[in-house]
Amino acid sequence: MKKLSMFVVLAGLLSNCELTNYVPPVTSQMAIVNKGQHVELTTLNEGRALFVRRCIECHTLPAVWRYSADDWPEIVDSMAHRASLKAAERDAIVAYIRAVRSQR
């Protein structure tokens, strides 16, 4: 019985980590985001790569659905200096996050 309860606790911890750090891959459907806007797949792939590589340098990756689509530009801007992000890189990260959110 003790092993079973330890397993349940461990499974819960692992599932929480997976949800926090899950970064969906870019799909062709993501190129069309809210209101029919089109975003290049190369931009989305760059945004995903930057999100994974640069954001994790300071903290665990937040779930992209934790904040609203309108909150993300300000969040990314507030951290851009620490991550040494250029304007185009910030835009790519925000485009990726918004594209992921539009798929839900």
C-alpha atoms as a PDB file:
ATOM      1  CA  MET A   1       0.000   0.000   0.000  1.00  0.00           C
ATOM      2  CA  LYS A   2       2.857   2.368   0.790  1.00  0.00           C
ATOM      3  CA  LYS A   3       4.376   1.824  -2.678  1.00  0.00           C
ATOM      4  CA  LEU A   4       1.058   2.597  -4.326  1.00  0.00           C
ATOM      5  CA  SER A   5       0.636   5.915  -2.521  1.00  0.00           C
ATOM      6  CA  MET A   6       4.221   6.912  -3.357  1.00  0.00           C
ATOM      7  CA  PHE A   7       3.539   6.071  -6.996  1.00  0.00           C
ATOM      8  CA  VAL A   8       0.413   8.252  -7.015  1.00  0.00           C
ATOM      9  CA  VAL A   9       2.324  11.193  -5.530  1.00  0.00           C
ATOM     10  CA  LEU A  10       5.201  10.762  -7.994  1.00  0.00           C
ATOM     11  CA  ALA A  11       2.812  10.480 -10.942  1.00  0.00           C
ATOM     12  CA  GLY A  12       1.085  13.685  -9.853  1.00  0.00           C
ATOM     13  CA  LEU A  13       4.373  15.550  -9.600  1.00  0.00           C
ATOM     14  CA  LEU A  14       5.531  14.340 -12.998  1.00  0.00           C
ATOM     15  CA  SER A  15       2.261  15.208 -14.677  1.00  0.00           C
ATOM     16  CA  ASN A  16       2.417  18.744 -13.279  1.00  0.00           C
ATOM     17  CA  CYS A  17       5.946  19.184 -14.641  1.00  0.00           C
ATOM     18  CA  GLU A  18       4.908  17.880 -18.017  1.00  0.00           C
ATOM     19  CA  LEU A  19       1.983  20.292 -18.231  1.00  0.00           C
ATOM     20  CA  THR A  20       4.148  23.242 -17.228  1.00  0.00           C
ATOM     21  CA  ASN A  21       6.970  22.422 -19.623  1.00  0.00           C
ATOM     22  CA  TYR A  22       4.914  21.127 -22.540  1.00  0.00           C
ATOM     23  CA  VAL A  23       5.638  23.194 -25.634  1.00  0.00           C
ATOM     24  CA  PRO A  24       3.471  22.026 -28.529  1.00  0.00           C
ATOM     25  CA  PRO A  25       5.219  21.513 -31.862  1.00  0.00           C
ATOM     26  CA  VAL A  26       4.382  23.870 -34.707  1.00  0.00           C
ATOM     27  CA  THR A  27       1.748  22.593 -37.124  1.00  0.00           C
ATOM     28  CA  SER A  28       0.498  23.992 -40.411  1.00  0.00           C
ATOM     29  CA  GLN A  29      -2.858  24.767 -38.745  1.00  0.00           C
ATOM     30  CA  MET A  30      -1.056  27.198 -36.428  1.00  0.00           C
ATOM     31  CA  ALA A  31      -0.155  29.401 -39.396  1.00  0.00           C
ATOM     32  CA  ILE A  32      -3.721  30.701 -39.322  1.00  0.00           C
ATOM     33  CA  VAL A  33      -4.284  32.284 -35.953  1.00  0.00           C
ATOM     34  CA  ASN A  34      -7.177  34.264 -34.513  1.00  0.00           C
ATOM     35  CA  LYS A  35      -9.302  36.286 -36.928  1.00  0.00           C
ATOM     36  CA  GLY A  36      -7.795  34.583 -39.978  1.00  0.00           C
ATOM     37  CA  GLN A  37      -4.377  36.199 -39.616  1.00  0.00           C
ATOM     38  CA  HIS A  38      -1.584  34.257 -41.302  1.00  0.00           C
ATOM     39  CA  VAL A  39       1.819  33.760 -39.687  1.00  0.00           C
ATOM     40  CA  GLU A  40       4.759  32.158 -41.484  1.00  0.00           C
ATOM     41  CA  LEU A  41       5.688  28.698 -40.221  1.00  0.00           C
ATOM     42  CA  THR A  42       9.336  29.773 -40.056  1.00  0.00           C
ATOM     43  CA  THR A  43       8.356  32.553 -37.633  1.00  0.00           C
ATOM     44  CA  LEU A  44       6.400  30.106 -35.489  1.00  0.00           C
ATOM     45  CA  ASN A  45       9.272  27.609 -35.451  1.00  0.00           C
ATOM     46  CA  GLU A  46      11.703  30.355 -34.470  1.00  0.00           C
ATOM     47  CA  GLY A  47       9.317  31.544 -31.749  1.00  0.00           C
ATOM     48  CA  ARG A  48       8.999  28.040 -30.340  1.00  0.00           C
ATOM     49  CA  ALA A  49      12.766  27.504 -30.376  1.00  0.00           C
ATOM     50  CA  LEU A  50      13.372  30.845 -28.655  1.00  0.00           C
ATOM     51  CA  PHE A  51      10.654  30.173 -26.084  1.00  0.00           C
ATOM     52  CA  VAL A  52      12.235  26.831 -25.223  1.00  0.00           C
ATOM     53  CA  ARG A  53      15.885  27.943 -25.283  1.00  0.00           C
ATOM     54  CA  ARG A  54      15.818  31.438 -23.862  1.00  0.00           C
ATOM     55  CA  CYS A  55      12.935  31.483 -21.395  1.00  0.00           C
ATOM     56  CA  ILE A  56      14.086  28.397 -19.551  1.00  0.00           C
ATOM     57  CA  GLU A  57      17.418  30.074 -18.784  1.00  0.00           C
ATOM     58  CA  CYS A  58      15.731  31.950 -15.914  1.00  0.00           C
ATOM     59  CA  HIS A  59      12.683  29.869 -14.948  1.00  0.00           C
ATOM     60  CA  THR A  60      10.563  26.872 -15.854  1.00  0.00           C
ATOM     61  CA  LEU A  61       8.426  27.353 -18.909  1.00  0.00           C
ATOM     62  CA  PRO A  62       4.951  28.610 -18.106  1.00  0.00           C
ATOM     63  CA  ALA A  63       1.972  26.930 -19.693  1.00  0.00           C
ATOM     64  CA  VAL A  64       1.030  29.127 -22.649  1.00  0.00           C
ATOM     65  CA  TRP A  65      -2.640  29.014 -21.673  1.00  0.00           C
ATOM     66  CA  ARG A  66      -1.893  30.304 -18.150  1.00  0.00           C
ATOM     67  CA  TYR A  67      -2.196  33.920 -19.336  1.00  0.00           C
ATOM     68  CA  SER A  68      -4.473  35.484 -21.919  1.00  0.00           C
ATOM     69  CA  ALA A  69      -3.291  36.095 -25.474  1.00  0.00           C
ATOM     70  CA  ASP A  70      -3.416  39.828 -24.764  1.00  0.00           C
ATOM     71  CA  ASP A  71      -1.169  39.450 -21.683  1.00  0.00           C
ATOM     72  CA  TRP A  72       1.672  37.682 -23.489  1.00  0.00           C
ATOM     73  CA  PRO A  73       3.183  40.638 -25.400  1.00  0.00           C
ATOM     74  CA  GLU A  74       3.650  42.552 -22.139  1.00  0.00           C
ATOM     75  CA  ILE A  75       5.011  39.470 -20.355  1.00  0.00           C
ATOM     76  CA  VAL A  76       7.538  38.781 -23.108  1.00  0.00           C
ATOM     77  CA  ASP A  77       8.488  42.469 -23.315  1.00  0.00           C
ATOM     78  CA  SER A  78       9.082  42.600 -19.562  1.00  0.00           C
ATOM     79  CA  MET A  79      11.593  39.755 -19.802  1.00  0.00           C
ATOM     80  CA  ALA A  80      13.168  40.580 -23.160  1.00  0.00           C
ATOM     81  CA  HIS A  81      16.070  42.556 -21.716  1.00  0.00           C
ATOM     82  CA  ARG A  82      17.130  39.728 -19.396  1.00  0.00           C
ATOM     83  CA  ALA A  83      16.979  37.246 -22.268  1.00  0.00           C
ATOM     84  CA  SER A  84      18.690  39.655 -24.689  1.00  0.00           C
ATOM     85  CA  LEU A  85      15.828  39.333 -27.157  1.00  0.00           C
ATOM     86  CA  LYS A  86      15.656  41.515 -30.231  1.00  0.00           C
ATOM     87  CA  ALA A  87      12.294  42.941 -31.297  1.00  0.00           C
ATOM     88  CA  ALA A  88      11.837  40.328 -34.045  1.00  0.00           C
ATOM     89  CA  GLU A  89      12.589  37.545 -31.561  1.00  0.00           C
ATOM     90  CA  ARG A  90      10.024  38.906 -29.097  1.00  0.00           C
ATOM     91  CA  ASP A  91       7.479  39.076 -31.911  1.00  0.00           C
ATOM     92  CA  ALA A  92       8.217  35.479 -32.932  1.00  0.00           C
ATOM     93  CA  ILE A  93       7.739  34.208 -29.368  1.00  0.00           C
ATOM     94  CA  VAL A  94       4.443  36.060 -29.018  1.00  0.00           C
ATOM     95  CA  ALA A  95       3.286  34.809 -32.443  1.00  0.00           C
ATOM     96  CA  TYR A  96       4.068  31.223 -31.424  1.00  0.00           C
ATOM     97  CA  ILE A  97       2.246  31.531 -28.094  1.00  0.00           C
ATOM     98  CA  ARG A  98      -0.801  33.115 -29.717  1.00  0.00           C
ATOM     99  CA  ALA A  99      -0.830  30.432 -32.409  1.00  0.00           C
ATOM    100  CA  VAL A 100      -0.735  27.663 -29.798  1.00  0.00           C
ATOM    101  CA  ARG A 101      -3.530  29.330 -27.852  1.00  0.00           C
ATOM    102  CA  SER A 102      -5.671  29.640 -30.981  1.00  0.00           C
ATOM    103  CA  GLN A 103      -5.595  25.854 -31.408  1.00  0.00           C
ATOM    104  CA  ARG A 104      -7.379  25.160 -28.120  1.00  0.00           C
END
